[in-house]
Each structure stands twice: as C-alpha cells, then as structure tokens.
Amino acid sequence: MSRWTEDEMLELAARGVGKVDRDGLRGATLVSMEEIAAMAGALAALGLPAIHPGAYTPPNKIRYTEGERA
C-alpha cells in the first residue's frame, strides 16, 4: 500500500512550496513533516536522485533527459 496517491503527494508538496514562496524563511518553518516528505517524493519522482551524506555528487543530477521517463 502506498503512502499517498501521486496527486495527493503533489498537492502536499505544492502546499509546502506555497508556504515558502509566500513567506520566505518564515514559511520554511511552517512546512509540515508530511509536506517535506511529499516534496522529497516529488523531486525523486521527477528524476532527482538522492545523494547520501558523504557520497560523491554524480555528474548528472537528473536521471533522464527531457521527454524520457525513468
């Protein structure tokens, strides 16, 4: 069972981004843990790979090119 549907994840992520966009640094303190998790999930779904602490930065930070889905 998945945590959210894709639409739910994107809505939560967008709400978190909206807080930061509207209120700047103050907005970042208002973002919930659910919204942060959804933002991370959305970035991963869009192809941004995780770089774990201490790992090297890969040369290609996006896993696929425009028009191609991983």
PDB file of N, CA and C in Angstrom:
ATOM      1  N   MET A   1       0.847  -1.185   0.000  1.00  0.00           N
ATOM      2  CA  MET A   1       0.000   0.000   0.000  1.00  0.00           C
ATOM      3  C   MET A   1       0.889   1.243   0.000  1.00  0.00           C
ATOM      4  N   SER A   2       0.612   2.178  -0.898  1.00  0.00           N
ATOM      5  CA  SER A   2       1.416   3.388  -0.970  1.00  0.00           C
ATOM      6  C   SER A   2       0.934   4.410   0.060  1.00  0.00           C
ATOM      7  N   ARG A   3       1.831   5.304   0.397  1.00  0.00           N
ATOM      8  CA  ARG A   3       1.522   6.321   1.406  1.00  0.00           C
ATOM      9  C   ARG A   3       0.492   7.317   0.897  1.00  0.00           C
ATOM     10  N   TRP A   4       0.704   7.799  -0.320  1.00  0.00           N
ATOM     11  CA  TRP A   4      -0.213   8.737  -0.953  1.00  0.00           C
ATOM     12  C   TRP A   4      -0.392   8.328  -2.406  1.00  0.00           C
ATOM     13  N   THR A   5      -1.445   8.841  -3.016  1.00  0.00           N
ATOM     14  CA  THR A   5      -1.517   8.757  -4.472  1.00  0.00           C
ATOM     15  C   THR A   5      -0.571   9.831  -5.007  1.00  0.00           C
ATOM     16  N   GLU A   6      -0.250   9.750  -6.289  1.00  0.00           N
ATOM     17  CA  GLU A   6       0.630  10.773  -6.871  1.00  0.00           C
ATOM     18  C   GLU A   6       0.002  12.157  -6.746  1.00  0.00           C
ATOM     19  N   ASP A   7      -1.303  12.253  -6.986  1.00  0.00           N
ATOM     20  CA  ASP A   7      -1.977  13.553  -6.865  1.00  0.00           C
ATOM     21  C   ASP A   7      -1.908  14.094  -5.442  1.00  0.00           C
ATOM     22  N   GLU A   8      -2.099  13.224  -4.450  1.00  0.00           N
ATOM     23  CA  GLU A   8      -2.017  13.662  -3.057  1.00  0.00           C
ATOM     24  C   GLU A   8      -0.604  14.137  -2.713  1.00  0.00           C
ATOM     25  N   MET A   9       0.402  13.386  -3.180  1.00  0.00           N
ATOM     26  CA  MET A   9       1.789  13.760  -2.924  1.00  0.00           C
ATOM     27  C   MET A   9       2.098  15.131  -3.532  1.00  0.00           C
ATOM     28  N   LEU A  10       1.682  15.324  -4.782  1.00  0.00           N
ATOM     29  CA  LEU A  10       1.968  16.591  -5.446  1.00  0.00           C
ATOM     30  C   LEU A  10       1.225  17.748  -4.788  1.00  0.00           C
ATOM     31  N   GLU A  11       0.007  17.512  -4.319  1.00  0.00           N
ATOM     32  CA  GLU A  11      -0.717  18.583  -3.626  1.00  0.00           C
ATOM     33  C   GLU A  11      -0.024  18.953  -2.321  1.00  0.00           C
ATOM     34  N   LEU A  12       0.372  17.941  -1.533  1.00  0.00           N
ATOM     35  CA  LEU A  12       1.085  18.222  -0.284  1.00  0.00           C
ATOM     36  C   LEU A  12       2.393  18.971  -0.561  1.00  0.00           C
ATOM     37  N   ALA A  13       3.130  18.522  -1.572  1.00  0.00           N
ATOM     38  CA  ALA A  13       4.386  19.189  -1.926  1.00  0.00           C
ATOM     39  C   ALA A  13       4.132  20.629  -2.339  1.00  0.00           C
ATOM     40  N   ALA A  14       3.128  20.845  -3.160  1.00  0.00           N
ATOM     41  CA  ALA A  14       2.810  22.196  -3.622  1.00  0.00           C
ATOM     42  C   ALA A  14       2.374  23.097  -2.474  1.00  0.00           C
ATOM     43  N   ARG A  15       1.662  22.553  -1.507  1.00  0.00           N
ATOM     44  CA  ARG A  15       1.270  23.357  -0.342  1.00  0.00           C
ATOM     45  C   ARG A  15       2.489  23.782   0.470  1.00  0.00           C
ATOM     46  N   GLY A  16       3.447  22.857   0.626  1.00  0.00           N
ATOM     47  CA  GLY A  16       4.692  23.203   1.325  1.00  0.00           C
ATOM     48  C   GLY A  16       5.471  24.269   0.580  1.00  0.00           C
ATOM     49  N   VAL A  17       5.593  24.104  -0.722  1.00  0.00           N
ATOM     50  CA  VAL A  17       6.293  25.100  -1.545  1.00  0.00           C
ATOM     51  C   VAL A  17       5.569  26.441  -1.466  1.00  0.00           C
ATOM     52  N   GLY A  18       4.246  26.401  -1.431  1.00  0.00           N
ATOM     53  CA  GLY A  18       3.467  27.639  -1.333  1.00  0.00           C
ATOM     54  C   GLY A  18       3.772  28.422  -0.071  1.00  0.00           C
ATOM     55  N   LYS A  19       3.977  27.709   1.043  1.00  0.00           N
ATOM     56  CA  LYS A  19       4.314  28.385   2.298  1.00  0.00           C
ATOM     57  C   LYS A  19       5.658  29.097   2.179  1.00  0.00           C
ATOM     58  N   VAL A  20       6.641  28.403   1.600  1.00  0.00           N
ATOM     59  CA  VAL A  20       7.970  29.004   1.440  1.00  0.00           C
ATOM     60  C   VAL A  20       7.926  30.153   0.440  1.00  0.00           C
ATOM     61  N   ASP A  21       7.192  29.961  -0.651  1.00  0.00           N
ATOM     62  CA  ASP A  21       7.082  31.003  -1.671  1.00  0.00           C
ATOM     63  C   ASP A  21       6.419  32.259  -1.110  1.00  0.00           C
ATOM     64  N   ARG A  22       5.373  32.074  -0.317  1.00  0.00           N
ATOM     65  CA  ARG A  22       4.641  33.210   0.236  1.00  0.00           C
ATOM     66  C   ARG A  22       5.401  33.913   1.350  1.00  0.00           C
ATOM     67  N   ASP A  23       6.037  33.120   2.251  1.00  0.00           N
ATOM     68  CA  ASP A  23       6.604  33.696   3.476  1.00  0.00           C
ATOM     69  C   ASP A  23       8.117  33.602   3.598  1.00  0.00           C
ATOM     70  N   GLY A  24       8.797  33.127   2.562  1.00  0.00           N
ATOM     71  CA  GLY A  24      10.258  33.043   2.611  1.00  0.00           C
ATOM     72  C   GLY A  24      10.756  32.138   3.724  1.00  0.00           C
ATOM     73  N   LEU A  25      11.795  32.593   4.431  1.00  0.00           N
ATOM     74  CA  LEU A  25      12.376  31.777   5.501  1.00  0.00           C
ATOM     75  C   LEU A  25      11.360  31.455   6.583  1.00  0.00           C
ATOM     76  N   ARG A  26      10.490  32.375   6.883  1.00  0.00           N
ATOM     77  CA  ARG A  26       9.444  32.108   7.876  1.00  0.00           C
ATOM     78  C   ARG A  26       8.554  30.965   7.400  1.00  0.00           C
ATOM     79  N   GLY A  27       8.240  30.945   6.114  1.00  0.00           N
ATOM     80  CA  GLY A  27       7.423  29.874   5.558  1.00  0.00           C
ATOM     81  C   GLY A  27       8.073  28.516   5.700  1.00  0.00           C
ATOM     82  N   ALA A  28       9.401  28.477   5.617  1.00  0.00           N
ATOM     83  CA  ALA A  28      10.116  27.208   5.762  1.00  0.00           C
ATOM     84  C   ALA A  28       9.895  26.605   7.148  1.00  0.00           C
ATOM     85  N   THR A  29       9.672  27.450   8.146  1.00  0.00           N
ATOM     86  CA  THR A  29       9.411  26.932   9.499  1.00  0.00           C
ATOM     87  C   THR A  29       7.979  26.451   9.664  1.00  0.00           C
ATOM     88  N   LEU A  30       7.113  26.784   8.713  1.00  0.00           N
ATOM     89  CA  LEU A  30       5.709  26.396   8.781  1.00  0.00           C
ATOM     90  C   LEU A  30       5.400  25.113   8.004  1.00  0.00           C
ATOM     91  N   VAL A  31       6.366  24.624   7.224  1.00  0.00           N
ATOM     92  CA  VAL A  31       6.150  23.428   6.416  1.00  0.00           C
ATOM     93  C   VAL A  31       6.096  22.201   7.329  1.00  0.00           C
ATOM     94  N   SER A  32       5.090  21.372   7.131  1.00  0.00           N
ATOM     95  CA  SER A  32       4.929  20.176   7.969  1.00  0.00           C
ATOM     96  C   SER A  32       5.866  19.056   7.516  1.00  0.00           C
ATOM     97  N   MET A  33       6.059  18.067   8.382  1.00  0.00           N
ATOM     98  CA  MET A  33       6.879  16.908   8.028  1.00  0.00           C
ATOM     99  C   MET A  33       6.269  16.167   6.838  1.00  0.00           C
ATOM    100  N   GLU A  34       4.957  16.081   6.782  1.00  0.00           N
ATOM    101  CA  GLU A  34       4.278  15.438   5.645  1.00  0.00           C
ATOM    102  C   GLU A  34       4.579  16.178   4.351  1.00  0.00           C
ATOM    103  N   GLU A  35       4.546  17.504   4.397  1.00  0.00           N
ATOM    104  CA  GLU A  35       4.836  18.305   3.202  1.00  0.00           C
ATOM    105  C   GLU A  35       6.294  18.146   2.771  1.00  0.00           C
ATOM    106  N   ILE A  36       7.203  18.074   3.739  1.00  0.00           N
ATOM    107  CA  ILE A  36       8.614  17.865   3.415  1.00  0.00           C
ATOM    108  C   ILE A  36       8.809  16.502   2.764  1.00  0.00           C
ATOM    109  N   ALA A  37       8.193  15.465   3.323  1.00  0.00           N
ATOM    110  CA  ALA A  37       8.296  14.120   2.744  1.00  0.00           C
ATOM    111  C   ALA A  37       7.705  14.109   1.333  1.00  0.00           C
ATOM    112  N   ALA A  38       6.594  14.809   1.140  1.00  0.00           N
ATOM    113  CA  ALA A  38       5.967  14.870  -0.184  1.00  0.00           C
ATOM    114  C   ALA A  38       6.856  15.627  -1.169  1.00  0.00           C
ATOM    115  N   MET A  39       7.513  16.700  -0.723  1.00  0.00           N
ATOM    116  CA  MET A  39       8.425  17.429  -1.607  1.00  0.00           C
ATOM    117  C   MET A  39       9.592  16.536  -2.018  1.00  0.00           C
ATOM    118  N   ALA A  40      10.138  15.773  -1.078  1.00  0.00           N
ATOM    119  CA  ALA A  40      11.228  14.851  -1.405  1.00  0.00           C
ATOM    120  C   ALA A  40      10.743  13.787  -2.381  1.00  0.00           C
ATOM    121  N   GLY A  41       9.545  13.259  -2.153  1.00  0.00           N
ATOM    122  CA  GLY A  41       8.985  12.263  -3.058  1.00  0.00           C
ATOM    123  C   GLY A  41       8.759  12.829  -4.448  1.00  0.00           C
ATOM    124  N   ALA A  42       8.285  14.059  -4.517  1.00  0.00           N
ATOM    125  CA  ALA A  42       8.045  14.691  -5.817  1.00  0.00           C
ATOM    126  C   ALA A  42       9.361  14.897  -6.566  1.00  0.00           C
ATOM    127  N   LEU A  43      10.399  15.335  -5.862  1.00  0.00           N
ATOM    128  CA  LEU A  43      11.702  15.505  -6.506  1.00  0.00           C
ATOM    129  C   LEU A  43      12.232  14.168  -7.024  1.00  0.00           C
ATOM    130  N   ALA A  44      12.084  13.121  -6.221  1.00  0.00           N
ATOM    131  CA  ALA A  44      12.531  11.794  -6.655  1.00  0.00           C
ATOM    132  C   ALA A  44      11.723  11.327  -7.863  1.00  0.00           C
ATOM    133  N   ALA A  45      10.414  11.558  -7.841  1.00  0.00           N
ATOM    134  CA  ALA A  45       9.555  11.158  -8.954  1.00  0.00           C
ATOM    135  C   ALA A  45       9.906  11.917 -10.228  1.00  0.00           C
ATOM    136  N   LEU A  46      10.408  13.137 -10.079  1.00  0.00           N
ATOM    137  CA  LEU A  46      10.803  13.943 -11.234  1.00  0.00           C
ATOM    138  C   LEU A  46      12.212  13.617 -11.719  1.00  0.00           C
ATOM    139  N   GLY A  47      12.884  12.681 -11.032  1.00  0.00           N
ATOM    140  CA  GLY A  47      14.170  12.201 -11.513  1.00  0.00           C
ATOM    141  C   GLY A  47      15.394  12.664 -10.759  1.00  0.00           C
ATOM    142  N   LEU A  48      15.227  13.416  -9.684  1.00  0.00           N
ATOM    143  CA  LEU A  48      16.383  13.866  -8.911  1.00  0.00           C
ATOM    144  C   LEU A  48      16.827  12.730  -7.994  1.00  0.00           C
ATOM    145  N   PRO A  49      18.049  12.215  -8.182  1.00  0.00           N
ATOM    146  CA  PRO A  49      18.496  11.098  -7.339  1.00  0.00           C
ATOM    147  C   PRO A  49      18.926  11.598  -5.965  1.00  0.00           C
ATOM    148  N   ALA A  50      18.809  10.733  -4.983  1.00  0.00           N
ATOM    149  CA  ALA A  50      19.287  11.057  -3.641  1.00  0.00           C
ATOM    150  C   ALA A  50      20.810  11.003  -3.629  1.00  0.00           C
ATOM    151  N   ILE A  51      21.441  11.949  -2.945  1.00  0.00           N
ATOM    152  CA  ILE A  51      22.887  11.913  -2.710  1.00  0.00           C
ATOM    153  C   ILE A  51      23.037  11.749  -1.198  1.00  0.00           C
ATOM    154  N   HIS A  52      23.450  10.577  -0.789  1.00  0.00           N
ATOM    155  CA  HIS A  52      23.554  10.286   0.639  1.00  0.00           C
ATOM    156  C   HIS A  52      24.732  11.025   1.265  1.00  0.00           C
ATOM    157  N   PRO A  53      24.663  11.296   2.572  1.00  0.00           N
ATOM    158  CA  PRO A  53      25.760  12.003   3.239  1.00  0.00           C
ATOM    159  C   PRO A  53      27.095  11.312   2.986  1.00  0.00           C
ATOM    160  N   GLY A  54      28.088  12.088   2.601  1.00  0.00           N
ATOM    161  CA  GLY A  54      29.422  11.569   2.352  1.00  0.00           C
ATOM    162  C   GLY A  54      29.640  11.005   0.960  1.00  0.00           C
ATOM    163  N   ALA A  55      28.568  10.873   0.181  1.00  0.00           N
ATOM    164  CA  ALA A  55      28.684  10.333  -1.176  1.00  0.00           C
ATOM    165  C   ALA A  55      29.134  11.419  -2.137  1.00  0.00           C
ATOM    166  N   TYR A  56      29.727  11.005  -3.242  1.00  0.00           N
ATOM    167  CA  TYR A  56      30.152  11.968  -4.245  1.00  0.00           C
ATOM    168  C   TYR A  56      28.928  12.485  -5.008  1.00  0.00           C
ATOM    169  N   THR A  57      29.058  13.649  -5.592  1.00  0.00           N
ATOM    170  CA  THR A  57      27.990  14.220  -6.400  1.00  0.00           C
ATOM    171  C   THR A  57      28.082  13.648  -7.803  1.00  0.00           C
ATOM    172  N   PRO A  58      27.013  12.999  -8.274  1.00  0.00           N
ATOM    173  CA  PRO A  58      27.061  12.432  -9.624  1.00  0.00           C
ATOM    174  C   PRO A  58      27.093  13.546 -10.672  1.00  0.00           C
ATOM    175  N   PRO A  59      27.705  13.275 -11.837  1.00  0.00           N
ATOM    176  CA  PRO A  59      27.782  14.314 -12.868  1.00  0.00           C
ATOM    177  C   PRO A  59      26.411  14.691 -13.424  1.00  0.00           C
ATOM    178  N   ASN A  60      25.498  13.736 -13.496  1.00  0.00           N
ATOM    179  CA  ASN A  60      24.141  14.008 -13.983  1.00  0.00           C
ATOM    180  C   ASN A  60      23.189  13.939 -12.805  1.00  0.00           C
ATOM    181  N   LYS A  61      22.687  15.096 -12.413  1.00  0.00           N
ATOM    182  CA  LYS A  61      21.811  15.123 -11.245  1.00  0.00           C
ATOM    183  C   LYS A  61      20.372  14.749 -11.569  1.00  0.00           C
ATOM    184  N   ILE A  62      20.036  14.709 -12.837  1.00  0.00           N
ATOM    185  CA  ILE A  62      18.715  14.260 -13.267  1.00  0.00           C
ATOM    186  C   ILE A  62      18.914  12.952 -14.016  1.00  0.00           C
ATOM    187  N   ARG A  63      18.125  11.929 -13.680  1.00  0.00           N
ATOM    188  CA  ARG A  63      18.333  10.598 -14.223  1.00  0.00           C
ATOM    189  C   ARG A  63      17.903  10.445 -15.680  1.00  0.00           C
ATOM    190  N   TYR A  64      17.083  11.315 -16.200  1.00  0.00           N
ATOM    191  CA  TYR A  64      16.616  11.159 -17.567  1.00  0.00           C
ATOM    192  C   TYR A  64      16.588  12.502 -18.258  1.00  0.00           C
ATOM    193  N   THR A  65      16.533  12.469 -19.560  1.00  0.00           N
ATOM    194  CA  THR A  65      16.508  13.706 -20.333  1.00  0.00           C
ATOM    195  C   THR A  65      15.071  14.100 -20.643  1.00  0.00           C
ATOM    196  N   GLU A  66      14.881  15.304 -21.137  1.00  0.00           N
ATOM    197  CA  GLU A  66      13.556  15.820 -21.447  1.00  0.00           C
ATOM    198  C   GLU A  66      12.814  14.879 -22.396  1.00  0.00           C
ATOM    199  N   GLY A  67      11.583  14.575 -22.063  1.00  0.00           N
ATOM    200  CA  GLY A  67      10.759  13.701 -22.896  1.00  0.00           C
ATOM    201  C   GLY A  67      10.933  12.233 -22.592  1.00  0.00           C
ATOM    202  N   GLU A  68      11.838  11.885 -21.701  1.00  0.00           N
ATOM    203  CA  GLU A  68      12.105  10.486 -21.367  1.00  0.00           C
ATOM    204  C   GLU A  68      11.802  10.287 -19.892  1.00  0.00           C
ATOM    205  N   ARG A  69      11.163   9.215 -19.536  1.00  0.00           N
ATOM    206  CA  ARG A  69      10.832   8.923 -18.148  1.00  0.00           C
ATOM    207  C   ARG A  69      11.609   7.720 -17.671  1.00  0.00           C
ATOM    208  N   ALA A  70      12.121   7.766 -16.449  1.00  0.00           N
ATOM    209  CA  ALA A  70      12.867   6.642 -15.883  1.00  0.00           C
ATOM    210  C   ALA A  70      11.926   5.512 -15.524  1.00  0.00           C
TER     211      ALA A  70
END
